[in-house]
Amino acid sequence: MTDPPPQVLATDTALQLIDRLREMHGPVLFHQSGGCCDGSSPMCYPQSDFIVGDCDVRLGEIGGAPFYISAPQFEYWKHTQLIIDVVAGRGGMFSLENGHGVRFLLRSRLFSDEEFADLKAHGRA
């Protein structure tokens, strides 16, 4: 059986920013909650400052940083590969990129029927 497609990826620009943030803050993680305000953006936190909830789903890693999504958001996005990118702008109030003139941005693409079946076969959907 082959590995399923990754559920989360990052662009080269995002990977470079993750490396910079890790150099400044130590190990980091991401959380996608889908809440209001900043919650609709992928948020980057020091691993020591964020408690992962029992209902959070680990989608994978980007640049060595674990990426979690809330269970309700996972239900909505499970058919979709998340692609984390960086654009100019102000980051989320509590996200580590805030103050750097850039912010993380969520892009996405739907999995093909075959990819989604592969995820289901691996218990990932």
PDB file of N, CA and C in Angstrom:
ATOM      1  N   MET A   1       0.846  -1.176   0.000  1.00  0.00           N
ATOM      2  CA  MET A   1       0.000   0.000   0.000  1.00  0.00           C
ATOM      3  C   MET A   1       0.893   1.242   0.000  1.00  0.00           C
ATOM      4  N   THR A   2       0.583   2.198  -0.864  1.00  0.00           N
ATOM      5  CA  THR A   2       1.375   3.425  -0.934  1.00  0.00           C
ATOM      6  C   THR A   2       0.911   4.408   0.136  1.00  0.00           C
ATOM      7  N   ASP A   3       1.764   5.383   0.420  1.00  0.00           N
ATOM      8  CA  ASP A   3       1.394   6.428   1.376  1.00  0.00           C
ATOM      9  C   ASP A   3       0.291   7.290   0.767  1.00  0.00           C
ATOM     10  N   PRO A   4      -0.643   7.757   1.614  1.00  0.00           N
ATOM     11  CA  PRO A   4      -1.679   8.643   1.093  1.00  0.00           C
ATOM     12  C   PRO A   4      -1.078  10.008   0.760  1.00  0.00           C
ATOM     13  N   PRO A   5      -1.778  10.803  -0.025  1.00  0.00           N
ATOM     14  CA  PRO A   5      -1.260  12.141  -0.327  1.00  0.00           C
ATOM     15  C   PRO A   5      -1.221  12.982   0.954  1.00  0.00           C
ATOM     16  N   PRO A   6      -0.280  13.918   1.048  1.00  0.00           N
ATOM     17  CA  PRO A   6      -0.240  14.762   2.242  1.00  0.00           C
ATOM     18  C   PRO A   6      -1.491  15.637   2.323  1.00  0.00           C
ATOM     19  N   GLN A   7      -1.996  15.815   3.533  1.00  0.00           N
ATOM     20  CA  GLN A   7      -3.181  16.636   3.728  1.00  0.00           C
ATOM     21  C   GLN A   7      -2.829  18.106   3.907  1.00  0.00           C
ATOM     22  N   VAL A   8      -1.556  18.374   4.193  1.00  0.00           N
ATOM     23  CA  VAL A   8      -1.108  19.761   4.319  1.00  0.00           C
ATOM     24  C   VAL A   8       0.286  19.871   3.714  1.00  0.00           C
ATOM     25  N   LEU A   9       0.490  20.940   2.954  1.00  0.00           N
ATOM     26  CA  LEU A   9       1.775  21.251   2.327  1.00  0.00           C
ATOM     27  C   LEU A   9       2.107  22.711   2.607  1.00  0.00           C
ATOM     28  N   ALA A  10       3.333  23.104   2.328  1.00  0.00           N
ATOM     29  CA  ALA A  10       3.732  24.503   2.460  1.00  0.00           C
ATOM     30  C   ALA A  10       4.567  24.894   1.253  1.00  0.00           C
ATOM     31  N   THR A  11       4.418  26.130   0.834  1.00  0.00           N
ATOM     32  CA  THR A  11       5.238  26.658  -0.256  1.00  0.00           C
ATOM     33  C   THR A  11       6.655  26.885   0.254  1.00  0.00           C
ATOM     34  N   ASP A  12       7.581  27.059  -0.668  1.00  0.00           N
ATOM     35  CA  ASP A  12       8.967  27.352  -0.270  1.00  0.00           C
ATOM     36  C   ASP A  12       9.045  28.617   0.573  1.00  0.00           C
ATOM     37  N   THR A  13       8.261  29.622   0.214  1.00  0.00           N
ATOM     38  CA  THR A  13       8.257  30.875   0.983  1.00  0.00           C
ATOM     39  C   THR A  13       7.785  30.630   2.409  1.00  0.00           C
ATOM     40  N   ALA A  14       6.745  29.818   2.562  1.00  0.00           N
ATOM     41  CA  ALA A  14       6.249  29.492   3.904  1.00  0.00           C
ATOM     42  C   ALA A  14       7.300  28.703   4.681  1.00  0.00           C
ATOM     43  N   LEU A  15       7.973  27.768   4.029  1.00  0.00           N
ATOM     44  CA  LEU A  15       9.008  26.982   4.714  1.00  0.00           C
ATOM     45  C   LEU A  15      10.151  27.871   5.186  1.00  0.00           C
ATOM     46  N   GLN A  16      10.516  28.864   4.390  1.00  0.00           N
ATOM     47  CA  GLN A  16      11.574  29.792   4.798  1.00  0.00           C
ATOM     48  C   GLN A  16      11.147  30.600   6.017  1.00  0.00           C
ATOM     49  N   LEU A  17       9.894  31.052   6.044  1.00  0.00           N
ATOM     50  CA  LEU A  17       9.405  31.810   7.202  1.00  0.00           C
ATOM     51  C   LEU A  17       9.331  30.920   8.436  1.00  0.00           C
ATOM     52  N   ILE A  18       8.909  29.691   8.266  1.00  0.00           N
ATOM     53  CA  ILE A  18       8.870  28.756   9.400  1.00  0.00           C
ATOM     54  C   ILE A  18      10.268  28.592   9.977  1.00  0.00           C
ATOM     55  N   ASP A  19      11.275  28.441   9.124  1.00  0.00           N
ATOM     56  CA  ASP A  19      12.658  28.323   9.599  1.00  0.00           C
ATOM     57  C   ASP A  19      13.078  29.554  10.399  1.00  0.00           C
ATOM     58  N   ARG A  20      12.745  30.745   9.895  1.00  0.00           N
ATOM     59  CA  ARG A  20      13.092  31.982  10.616  1.00  0.00           C
ATOM     60  C   ARG A  20      12.398  32.050  11.965  1.00  0.00           C
ATOM     61  N   LEU A  21      11.117  31.709  11.988  1.00  0.00           N
ATOM     62  CA  LEU A  21      10.372  31.758  13.247  1.00  0.00           C
ATOM     63  C   LEU A  21      10.910  30.739  14.240  1.00  0.00           C
ATOM     64  N   ARG A  22      11.306  29.568  13.758  1.00  0.00           N
ATOM     65  CA  ARG A  22      11.875  28.538  14.630  1.00  0.00           C
ATOM     66  C   ARG A  22      13.200  29.011  15.226  1.00  0.00           C
ATOM     67  N   GLU A  23      14.026  29.704  14.417  1.00  0.00           N
ATOM     68  CA  GLU A  23      15.287  30.246  14.925  1.00  0.00           C
ATOM     69  C   GLU A  23      15.041  31.257  16.041  1.00  0.00           C
ATOM     70  N   MET A  24      13.977  32.014  15.927  1.00  0.00           N
ATOM     71  CA  MET A  24      13.657  33.048  16.914  1.00  0.00           C
ATOM     72  C   MET A  24      12.941  32.503  18.145  1.00  0.00           C
ATOM     73  N   HIS A  25      12.074  31.498  17.960  1.00  0.00           N
ATOM     74  CA  HIS A  25      11.167  31.072  19.027  1.00  0.00           C
ATOM     75  C   HIS A  25      11.309  29.615  19.445  1.00  0.00           C
ATOM     76  N   GLY A  26      12.169  28.862  18.802  1.00  0.00           N
ATOM     77  CA  GLY A  26      12.254  27.436  19.090  1.00  0.00           C
ATOM     78  C   GLY A  26      11.183  26.676  18.324  1.00  0.00           C
ATOM     79  N   PRO A  27      10.889  25.432  18.741  1.00  0.00           N
ATOM     80  CA  PRO A  27       9.910  24.610  18.017  1.00  0.00           C
ATOM     81  C   PRO A  27       8.545  25.296  17.934  1.00  0.00           C
ATOM     82  N   VAL A  28       7.938  25.220  16.741  1.00  0.00           N
ATOM     83  CA  VAL A  28       6.632  25.842  16.522  1.00  0.00           C
ATOM     84  C   VAL A  28       5.626  24.814  16.035  1.00  0.00           C
ATOM     85  N   LEU A  29       4.370  25.188  16.115  1.00  0.00           N
ATOM     86  CA  LEU A  29       3.286  24.368  15.561  1.00  0.00           C
ATOM     87  C   LEU A  29       2.261  25.292  14.934  1.00  0.00           C
ATOM     88  N   PHE A  30       1.395  24.700  14.117  1.00  0.00           N
ATOM     89  CA  PHE A  30       0.320  25.439  13.481  1.00  0.00           C
ATOM     90  C   PHE A  30      -1.019  24.891  13.933  1.00  0.00           C
ATOM     91  N   HIS A  31      -2.001  25.798  13.982  1.00  0.00           N
ATOM     92  CA  HIS A  31      -3.370  25.395  14.270  1.00  0.00           C
ATOM     93  C   HIS A  31      -4.314  26.179  13.374  1.00  0.00           C
ATOM     94  N   GLN A  32      -5.253  25.455  12.784  1.00  0.00           N
ATOM     95  CA  GLN A  32      -6.290  26.048  11.947  1.00  0.00           C
ATOM     96  C   GLN A  32      -7.616  25.808  12.635  1.00  0.00           C
ATOM     97  N   SER A  33      -8.205  26.865  13.210  1.00  0.00           N
ATOM     98  CA  SER A  33      -9.429  26.663  13.975  1.00  0.00           C
ATOM     99  C   SER A  33     -10.699  26.981  13.208  1.00  0.00           C
ATOM    100  N   GLY A  34     -10.631  27.943  12.293  1.00  0.00           N
ATOM    101  CA  GLY A  34     -11.832  28.328  11.560  1.00  0.00           C
ATOM    102  C   GLY A  34     -12.735  29.242  12.354  1.00  0.00           C
ATOM    103  N   GLY A  35     -12.243  29.768  13.468  1.00  0.00           N
ATOM    104  CA  GLY A  35     -13.037  30.694  14.268  1.00  0.00           C
ATOM    105  C   GLY A  35     -13.123  32.051  13.619  1.00  0.00           C
ATOM    106  N   CYS A  36     -13.680  32.982  14.328  1.00  0.00           N
ATOM    107  CA  CYS A  36     -13.809  34.334  13.785  1.00  0.00           C
ATOM    108  C   CYS A  36     -12.474  35.070  13.874  1.00  0.00           C
ATOM    109  N   CYS A  37     -12.419  36.210  13.286  1.00  0.00           N
ATOM    110  CA  CYS A  37     -11.241  37.092  13.316  1.00  0.00           C
ATOM    111  C   CYS A  37      -9.998  36.357  12.825  1.00  0.00           C
ATOM    112  N   ASP A  38      -8.982  36.243  13.683  1.00  0.00           N
ATOM    113  CA  ASP A  38      -7.733  35.598  13.286  1.00  0.00           C
ATOM    114  C   ASP A  38      -7.892  34.105  13.042  1.00  0.00           C
ATOM    115  N   GLY A  39      -8.943  33.493  13.548  1.00  0.00           N
ATOM    116  CA  GLY A  39      -9.090  32.053  13.486  1.00  0.00           C
ATOM    117  C   GLY A  39      -9.268  31.476  12.098  1.00  0.00           C
ATOM    118  N   SER A  40      -9.523  32.322  11.111  1.00  0.00           N
ATOM    119  CA  SER A  40      -9.673  31.795   9.763  1.00  0.00           C
ATOM    120  C   SER A  40      -8.328  31.684   9.047  1.00  0.00           C
ATOM    121  N   SER A  41      -7.265  32.150   9.666  1.00  0.00           N
ATOM    122  CA  SER A  41      -5.910  32.040   9.112  1.00  0.00           C
ATOM    123  C   SER A  41      -5.149  30.952   9.851  1.00  0.00           C
ATOM    124  N   PRO A  42      -4.206  30.296   9.176  1.00  0.00           N
ATOM    125  CA  PRO A  42      -3.367  29.348   9.913  1.00  0.00           C
ATOM    126  C   PRO A  42      -2.513  30.123  10.920  1.00  0.00           C
ATOM    127  N   MET A  43      -2.532  29.688  12.142  1.00  0.00           N
ATOM    128  CA  MET A  43      -1.830  30.390  13.217  1.00  0.00           C
ATOM    129  C   MET A  43      -0.601  29.585  13.634  1.00  0.00           C
ATOM    130  N   CYS A  44       0.514  30.287  13.823  1.00  0.00           N
ATOM    131  CA  CYS A  44       1.778  29.675  14.215  1.00  0.00           C
ATOM    132  C   CYS A  44       2.090  30.073  15.656  1.00  0.00           C
ATOM    133  N   TYR A  45       2.381  29.089  16.489  1.00  0.00           N
ATOM    134  CA  TYR A  45       2.645  29.317  17.911  1.00  0.00           C
ATOM    135  C   TYR A  45       3.920  28.587  18.338  1.00  0.00           C
ATOM    136  N   PRO A  46       4.572  29.070  19.394  1.00  0.00           N
ATOM    137  CA  PRO A  46       5.618  28.238  19.994  1.00  0.00           C
ATOM    138  C   PRO A  46       4.954  26.960  20.523  1.00  0.00           C
ATOM    139  N   GLN A  47       5.586  25.820  20.319  1.00  0.00           N
ATOM    140  CA  GLN A  47       4.976  24.570  20.785  1.00  0.00           C
ATOM    141  C   GLN A  47       4.710  24.585  22.276  1.00  0.00           C
ATOM    142  N   SER A  48       5.552  25.271  23.034  1.00  0.00           N
ATOM    143  CA  SER A  48       5.386  25.302  24.487  1.00  0.00           C
ATOM    144  C   SER A  48       4.236  26.205  24.934  1.00  0.00           C
ATOM    145  N   ASP A  49       3.694  27.036  24.028  1.00  0.00           N
ATOM    146  CA  ASP A  49       2.644  27.988  24.394  1.00  0.00           C
ATOM    147  C   ASP A  49       1.251  27.569  23.945  1.00  0.00           C
ATOM    148  N   PHE A  50       1.118  26.433  23.296  1.00  0.00           N
ATOM    149  CA  PHE A  50      -0.182  26.042  22.768  1.00  0.00           C
ATOM    150  C   PHE A  50      -0.517  24.630  23.225  1.00  0.00           C
ATOM    151  N   ILE A  51      -1.687  24.475  23.788  1.00  0.00           N
ATOM    152  CA  ILE A  51      -2.150  23.152  24.213  1.00  0.00           C
ATOM    153  C   ILE A  51      -3.078  22.615  23.136  1.00  0.00           C
ATOM    154  N   VAL A  52      -2.697  21.509  22.542  1.00  0.00           N
ATOM    155  CA  VAL A  52      -3.514  20.869  21.517  1.00  0.00           C
ATOM    156  C   VAL A  52      -4.693  20.207  22.210  1.00  0.00           C
ATOM    157  N   GLY A  53      -5.897  20.448  21.692  1.00  0.00           N
ATOM    158  CA  GLY A  53      -7.104  19.887  22.286  1.00  0.00           C
ATOM    159  C   GLY A  53      -7.340  18.440  21.902  1.00  0.00           C
ATOM    160  N   ASP A  54      -8.131  17.755  22.698  1.00  0.00           N
ATOM    161  CA  ASP A  54      -8.469  16.357  22.427  1.00  0.00           C
ATOM    162  C   ASP A  54      -9.202  16.187  21.091  1.00  0.00           C
ATOM    163  N   CYS A  55      -9.873  17.225  20.646  1.00  0.00           N
ATOM    164  CA  CYS A  55     -10.638  17.147  19.398  1.00  0.00           C
ATOM    165  C   CYS A  55      -9.886  17.728  18.210  1.00  0.00           C
ATOM    166  N   ASP A  56      -8.629  18.111  18.403  1.00  0.00           N
ATOM    167  CA  ASP A  56      -7.840  18.605  17.274  1.00  0.00           C
ATOM    168  C   ASP A  56      -7.283  17.427  16.490  1.00  0.00           C
ATOM    169  N   VAL A  57      -7.228  17.593  15.179  1.00  0.00           N
ATOM    170  CA  VAL A  57      -6.748  16.551  14.266  1.00  0.00           C
ATOM    171  C   VAL A  57      -5.386  16.973  13.732  1.00  0.00           C
ATOM    172  N   ARG A  58      -4.414  16.100  13.839  1.00  0.00           N
ATOM    173  CA  ARG A  58      -3.091  16.389  13.279  1.00  0.00           C
ATOM    174  C   ARG A  58      -3.090  15.995  11.807  1.00  0.00           C
ATOM    175  N   LEU A  59      -2.942  16.993  10.937  1.00  0.00           N
ATOM    176  CA  LEU A  59      -2.939  16.731   9.502  1.00  0.00           C
ATOM    177  C   LEU A  59      -1.589  16.272   8.999  1.00  0.00           C
ATOM    178  N   GLY A  60      -0.531  16.675   9.670  1.00  0.00           N
ATOM    179  CA  GLY A  60       0.815  16.350   9.230  1.00  0.00           C
ATOM    180  C   GLY A  60       1.785  17.386   9.735  1.00  0.00           C
ATOM    181  N   GLU A  61       2.873  17.565   8.996  1.00  0.00           N
ATOM    182  CA  GLU A  61       3.895  18.546   9.351  1.00  0.00           C
ATOM    183  C   GLU A  61       4.241  19.371   8.127  1.00  0.00           C
ATOM    184  N   ILE A  62       4.586  20.629   8.387  1.00  0.00           N
ATOM    185  CA  ILE A  62       5.136  21.484   7.345  1.00  0.00           C
ATOM    186  C   ILE A  62       6.426  22.072   7.894  1.00  0.00           C
ATOM    187  N   GLY A  63       7.507  21.835   7.205  1.00  0.00           N
ATOM    188  CA  GLY A  63       8.791  22.341   7.661  1.00  0.00           C
ATOM    189  C   GLY A  63       9.170  21.855   9.048  1.00  0.00           C
ATOM    190  N   GLY A  64       8.758  20.648   9.392  1.00  0.00           N
ATOM    191  CA  GLY A  64       9.056  20.099  10.715  1.00  0.00           C
ATOM    192  C   GLY A  64       8.121  20.577  11.811  1.00  0.00           C
ATOM    193  N   ALA A  65       7.139  21.404  11.472  1.00  0.00           N
ATOM    194  CA  ALA A  65       6.179  21.928  12.454  1.00  0.00           C
ATOM    195  C   ALA A  65       4.861  21.161  12.337  1.00  0.00           C
ATOM    196  N   PRO A  66       4.387  20.573  13.435  1.00  0.00           N
ATOM    197  CA  PRO A  66       3.103  19.885  13.381  1.00  0.00           C
ATOM    198  C   PRO A  66       1.989  20.853  12.988  1.00  0.00           C
ATOM    199  N   PHE A  67       1.025  20.357  12.228  1.00  0.00           N
ATOM    200  CA  PHE A  67      -0.109  21.166  11.786  1.00  0.00           C
ATOM    201  C   PHE A  67      -1.393  20.501  12.251  1.00  0.00           C
ATOM    202  N   TYR A  68      -2.177  21.226  13.055  1.00  0.00           N
ATOM    203  CA  TYR A  68      -3.433  20.718  13.619  1.00  0.00           C
ATOM    204  C   TYR A  68      -4.603  21.539  13.088  1.00  0.00           C
ATOM    205  N   ILE A  69      -5.749  20.901  13.073  1.00  0.00           N
ATOM    206  CA  ILE A  69      -6.986  21.568  12.675  1.00  0.00           C
ATOM    207  C   ILE A  69      -8.075  21.103  13.633  1.00  0.00           C
ATOM    208  N   SER A  70      -9.010  21.986  13.964  1.00  0.00           N
ATOM    209  CA  SER A  70     -10.097  21.589  14.860  1.00  0.00           C
ATOM    210  C   SER A  70     -10.962  20.535  14.164  1.00  0.00           C
ATOM    211  N   ALA A  71     -11.561  19.654  14.944  1.00  0.00           N
ATOM    212  CA  ALA A  71     -12.366  18.570  14.383  1.00  0.00           C
ATOM    213  C   ALA A  71     -13.497  19.081  13.483  1.00  0.00           C
ATOM    214  N   PRO A  72     -14.235  20.118  13.879  1.00  0.00           N
ATOM    215  CA  PRO A  72     -15.284  20.610  12.972  1.00  0.00           C
ATOM    216  C   PRO A  72     -14.715  21.127  11.649  1.00  0.00           C
ATOM    217  N   GLN A  73     -13.586  21.803  11.698  1.00  0.00           N
ATOM    218  CA  GLN A  73     -12.960  22.279  10.469  1.00  0.00           C
ATOM    219  C   GLN A  73     -12.463  21.103   9.633  1.00  0.00           C
ATOM    220  N   PHE A  74     -11.922  20.068  10.282  1.00  0.00           N
ATOM    221  CA  PHE A  74     -11.466  18.890   9.548  1.00  0.00           C
ATOM    222  C   PHE A  74     -12.624  18.262   8.776  1.00  0.00           C
ATOM    223  N   GLU A  75     -13.788  18.154   9.406  1.00  0.00           N
ATOM    224  CA  GLU A  75     -14.949  17.585   8.724  1.00  0.00           C
ATOM    225  C   GLU A  75     -15.263  18.367   7.456  1.00  0.00           C
ATOM    226  N   TYR A  76     -15.141  19.675   7.525  1.00  0.00           N
ATOM    227  CA  TYR A  76     -15.427  20.532   6.388  1.00  0.00           C
ATOM    228  C   TYR A  76     -14.343  20.429   5.316  1.00  0.00           C
ATOM    229  N   TRP A  77     -13.078  20.316   5.729  1.00  0.00           N
ATOM    230  CA  TRP A  77     -11.935  20.377   4.818  1.00  0.00           C
ATOM    231  C   TRP A  77     -11.327  19.014   4.471  1.00  0.00           C
ATOM    232  N   LYS A  78     -11.874  17.911   4.953  1.00  0.00           N
ATOM    233  CA  LYS A  78     -11.216  16.611   4.773  1.00  0.00           C
ATOM    234  C   LYS A  78     -11.078  16.184   3.316  1.00  0.00           C
ATOM    235  N   HIS A  79     -11.855  16.758   2.426  1.00  0.00           N
ATOM    236  CA  HIS A  79     -11.761  16.457   0.995  1.00  0.00           C
ATOM    237  C   HIS A  79     -10.727  17.329   0.299  1.00  0.00           C
ATOM    238  N   THR A  80     -10.004  18.128   1.080  1.00  0.00           N
ATOM    239  CA  THR A  80      -9.176  19.194   0.534  1.00  0.00           C
ATOM    240  C   THR A  80      -7.746  19.121   1.052  1.00  0.00           C
ATOM    241  N   GLN A  81      -6.797  19.304   0.164  1.00  0.00           N
ATOM    242  CA  GLN A  81      -5.397  19.437   0.571  1.00  0.00           C
ATOM    243  C   GLN A  81      -5.156  20.906   0.899  1.00  0.00           C
ATOM    244  N   LEU A  82      -4.627  21.172   2.088  1.00  0.00           N
ATOM    245  CA  LEU A  82      -4.338  22.540   2.505  1.00  0.00           C
ATOM    246  C   LEU A  82      -2.912  22.887   2.102  1.00  0.00           C
ATOM    247  N   ILE A  83      -2.742  24.063   1.542  1.00  0.00           N
ATOM    248  CA  ILE A  83      -1.427  24.544   1.103  1.00  0.00           C
ATOM    249  C   ILE A  83      -1.169  25.861   1.822  1.00  0.00           C
ATOM    250  N   ILE A  84      -0.163  25.875   2.667  1.00  0.00           N
ATOM    251  CA  ILE A  84       0.148  27.067   3.450  1.00  0.00           C
ATOM    252  C   ILE A  84       1.139  27.909   2.663  1.00  0.00           C
ATOM    253  N   ASP A  85       0.784  29.176   2.492  1.00  0.00           N
ATOM    254  CA  ASP A  85       1.605  30.108   1.740  1.00  0.00           C
ATOM    255  C   ASP A  85       1.835  31.346   2.603  1.00  0.00           C
ATOM    256  N   VAL A  86       2.608  32.290   2.076  1.00  0.00           N
ATOM    257  CA  VAL A  86       2.889  33.554   2.758  1.00  0.00           C
ATOM    258  C   VAL A  86       2.614  34.679   1.782  1.00  0.00           C
ATOM    259  N   VAL A  87       1.938  35.714   2.262  1.00  0.00           N
ATOM    260  CA  VAL A  87       1.678  36.910   1.463  1.00  0.00           C
ATOM    261  C   VAL A  87       2.007  38.136   2.303  1.00  0.00           C
ATOM    262  N   ALA A  88       2.201  39.255   1.640  1.00  0.00           N
ATOM    263  CA  ALA A  88       2.435  40.504   2.354  1.00  0.00           C
ATOM    264  C   ALA A  88       1.186  40.864   3.153  1.00  0.00           C
ATOM    265  N   GLY A  89       1.398  41.460   4.304  1.00  0.00           N
ATOM    266  CA  GLY A  89       0.274  41.865   5.135  1.00  0.00           C
ATOM    267  C   GLY A  89       0.574  41.669   6.599  1.00  0.00           C
ATOM    268  N   ARG A  90      -0.411  41.900   7.401  1.00  0.00           N
ATOM    269  CA  ARG A  90      -0.272  41.780   8.850  1.00  0.00           C
ATOM    270  C   ARG A  90      -0.734  40.406   9.290  1.00  0.00           C
ATOM    271  N   GLY A  91       0.088  39.719  10.060  1.00  0.00           N
ATOM    272  CA  GLY A  91      -0.253  38.394  10.552  1.00  0.00           C
ATOM    273  C   GLY A  91      -1.302  38.436  11.642  1.00  0.00           C
ATOM    274  N   GLY A  92      -1.804  37.269  11.997  1.00  0.00           N
ATOM    275  CA  GLY A  92      -2.777  37.177  13.075  1.00  0.00           C
ATOM    276  C   GLY A  92      -2.214  37.728  14.375  1.00  0.00           C
ATOM    277  N   MET A  93      -3.074  38.285  15.179  1.00  0.00           N
ATOM    278  CA  MET A  93      -2.643  38.962  16.400  1.00  0.00           C
ATOM    279  C   MET A  93      -1.734  38.105  17.271  1.00  0.00           C
ATOM    280  N   PHE A  94      -2.024  36.824  17.381  1.00  0.00           N
ATOM    281  CA  PHE A  94      -1.247  35.953  18.258  1.00  0.00           C
ATOM    282  C   PHE A  94      -0.290  35.035  17.499  1.00  0.00           C
ATOM    283  N   SER A  95      -0.321  35.092  16.181  1.00  0.00           N
ATOM    284  CA  SER A  95       0.534  34.235  15.381  1.00  0.00           C
ATOM    285  C   SER A  95       1.941  34.833  15.297  1.00  0.00           C
ATOM    286  N   LEU A  96       2.948  33.980  15.312  1.00  0.00           N
ATOM    287  CA  LEU A  96       4.335  34.427  15.407  1.00  0.00           C
ATOM    288  C   LEU A  96       4.816  35.294  14.250  1.00  0.00           C
ATOM    289  N   GLU A  97       4.180  35.216  13.086  1.00  0.00           N
ATOM    290  CA  GLU A  97       4.632  36.045  11.970  1.00  0.00           C
ATOM    291  C   GLU A  97       4.157  37.494  12.097  1.00  0.00           C
ATOM    292  N   ASN A  98       3.262  37.761  13.051  1.00  0.00           N
ATOM    293  CA  ASN A  98       2.785  39.126  13.265  1.00  0.00           C
ATOM    294  C   ASN A  98       3.970  40.059  13.516  1.00  0.00           C
ATOM    295  N   GLY A  99       3.984  41.197  12.835  1.00  0.00           N
ATOM    296  CA  GLY A  99       5.069  42.160  12.992  1.00  0.00           C
ATOM    297  C   GLY A  99       6.196  41.981  11.989  1.00  0.00           C
ATOM    298  N   HIS A 100       6.107  40.965  11.130  1.00  0.00           N
ATOM    299  CA  HIS A 100       7.147  40.711  10.130  1.00  0.00           C
ATOM    300  C   HIS A 100       6.753  41.225   8.747  1.00  0.00           C
ATOM    301  N   GLY A 101       5.576  41.851   8.631  1.00  0.00           N
ATOM    302  CA  GLY A 101       5.133  42.387   7.347  1.00  0.00           C
ATOM    303  C   GLY A 101       4.562  41.349   6.399  1.00  0.00           C
ATOM    304  N   VAL A 102       4.403  40.126   6.890  1.00  0.00           N
ATOM    305  CA  VAL A 102       3.835  39.042   6.088  1.00  0.00           C
ATOM    306  C   VAL A 102       2.868  38.249   6.964  1.00  0.00           C
ATOM    307  N   ARG A 103       2.070  37.426   6.297  1.00  0.00           N
ATOM    308  CA  ARG A 103       1.156  36.559   7.054  1.00  0.00           C
ATOM    309  C   ARG A 103       1.019  35.228   6.333  1.00  0.00           C
ATOM    310  N   PHE A 104       0.726  34.198   7.107  1.00  0.00           N
ATOM    311  CA  PHE A 104       0.437  32.896   6.520  1.00  0.00           C
ATOM    312  C   PHE A 104      -0.961  32.950   5.900  1.00  0.00           C
ATOM    313  N   LEU A 105      -1.112  32.260   4.795  1.00  0.00           N
ATOM    314  CA  LEU A 105      -2.374  32.233   4.066  1.00  0.00           C
ATOM    315  C   LEU A 105      -2.683  30.791   3.687  1.00  0.00           C
ATOM    316  N   LEU A 106      -3.935  30.424   3.815  1.00  0.00           N
ATOM    317  CA  LEU A 106      -4.387  29.080   3.469  1.00  0.00           C
ATOM    318  C   LEU A 106      -4.903  29.058   2.040  1.00  0.00           C
ATOM    319  N   ARG A 107      -4.312  28.192   1.233  1.00  0.00           N
ATOM    320  CA  ARG A 107      -4.828  27.902  -0.108  1.00  0.00           C
ATOM    321  C   ARG A 107      -5.270  26.439  -0.073  1.00  0.00           C
ATOM    322  N   SER A 108      -6.004  26.011  -1.066  1.00  0.00           N
ATOM    323  CA  SER A 108      -6.473  24.621  -1.032  1.00  0.00           C
ATOM    324  C   SER A 108      -6.750  24.106  -2.433  1.00  0.00           C
ATOM    325  N   ARG A 109      -6.833  22.784  -2.504  1.00  0.00           N
ATOM    326  CA  ARG A 109      -7.289  22.109  -3.719  1.00  0.00           C
ATOM    327  C   ARG A 109      -8.032  20.848  -3.285  1.00  0.00           C
ATOM    328  N   LEU A 110      -9.064  20.499  -4.037  1.00  0.00           N
ATOM    329  CA  LEU A 110      -9.820  19.285  -3.736  1.00  0.00           C
ATOM    330  C   LEU A 110      -8.993  18.069  -4.105  1.00  0.00           C
ATOM    331  N   PHE A 111      -9.049  17.057  -3.257  1.00  0.00           N
ATOM    332  CA  PHE A 111      -8.433  15.786  -3.601  1.00  0.00           C
ATOM    333  C   PHE A 111      -9.223  15.151  -4.742  1.00  0.00           C
ATOM    334  N   SER A 112      -8.532  14.415  -5.586  1.00  0.00           N
ATOM    335  CA  SER A 112      -9.225  13.630  -6.610  1.00  0.00           C
ATOM    336  C   SER A 112      -9.966  12.493  -5.899  1.00  0.00           C
ATOM    337  N   ASP A 113     -10.885  11.864  -6.603  1.00  0.00           N
ATOM    338  CA  ASP A 113     -11.612  10.728  -6.014  1.00  0.00           C
ATOM    339  C   ASP A 113     -10.636   9.640  -5.577  1.00  0.00           C
ATOM    340  N   GLU A 114      -9.608   9.400  -6.392  1.00  0.00           N
ATOM    341  CA  GLU A 114      -8.625   8.363  -6.077  1.00  0.00           C
ATOM    342  C   GLU A 114      -7.812   8.733  -4.824  1.00  0.00           C
ATOM    343  N   GLU A 115      -7.399   9.997  -4.755  1.00  0.00           N
ATOM    344  CA  GLU A 115      -6.635  10.439  -3.580  1.00  0.00           C
ATOM    345  C   GLU A 115      -7.477  10.331  -2.314  1.00  0.00           C
ATOM    346  N   PHE A 116      -8.746  10.748  -2.400  1.00  0.00           N
ATOM    347  CA  PHE A 116      -9.601  10.692  -1.215  1.00  0.00           C
ATOM    348  C   PHE A 116      -9.851   9.245  -0.795  1.00  0.00           C
ATOM    349  N   ALA A 117     -10.027   8.352  -1.758  1.00  0.00           N
ATOM    350  CA  ALA A 117     -10.190   6.935  -1.430  1.00  0.00           C
ATOM    351  C   ALA A 117      -8.929   6.406  -0.734  1.00  0.00           C
ATOM    352  N   ASP A 118      -7.764   6.842  -1.187  1.00  0.00           N
ATOM    353  CA  ASP A 118      -6.496   6.435  -0.566  1.00  0.00           C
ATOM    354  C   ASP A 118      -6.422   6.953   0.880  1.00  0.00           C
ATOM    355  N   LEU A 119      -6.839   8.195   1.105  1.00  0.00           N
ATOM    356  CA  LEU A 119      -6.862   8.735   2.471  1.00  0.00           C
ATOM    357  C   LEU A 119      -7.802   7.920   3.357  1.00  0.00           C
ATOM    358  N   LYS A 120      -8.970   7.603   2.838  1.00  0.00           N
ATOM    359  CA  LYS A 120      -9.938   6.802   3.605  1.00  0.00           C
ATOM    360  C   LYS A 120      -9.358   5.429   3.934  1.00  0.00           C
ATOM    361  N   ALA A 121      -8.682   4.812   2.960  1.00  0.00           N
ATOM    362  CA  ALA A 121      -8.092   3.492   3.181  1.00  0.00           C
ATOM    363  C   ALA A 121      -7.041   3.526   4.287  1.00  0.00           C
ATOM    364  N   HIS A 122      -6.408   4.688   4.481  1.00  0.00           N
ATOM    365  CA  HIS A 122      -5.402   4.854   5.529  1.00  0.00           C
ATOM    366  C   HIS A 122      -5.996   5.425   6.824  1.00  0.00           C
ATOM    367  N   GLY A 123      -7.330   5.549   6.882  1.00  0.00           N
ATOM    368  CA  GLY A 123      -7.972   6.075   8.083  1.00  0.00           C
ATOM    369  C   GLY A 123      -7.754   7.557   8.304  1.00  0.00           C
ATOM    370  N   ARG A 124      -7.493   8.301   7.215  1.00  0.00           N
ATOM    371  CA  ARG A 124      -7.182   9.725   7.333  1.00  0.00           C
ATOM    372  C   ARG A 124      -8.334  10.620   6.881  1.00  0.00           C
ATOM    373  N   ALA A 125      -9.476  10.061   6.576  1.00  0.00           N
ATOM    374  CA  ALA A 125     -10.615  10.891   6.139  1.00  0.00           C
ATOM    375  C   ALA A 125     -11.908  10.361   6.725  1.00  0.00           C
TER     376      ALA A 125
END
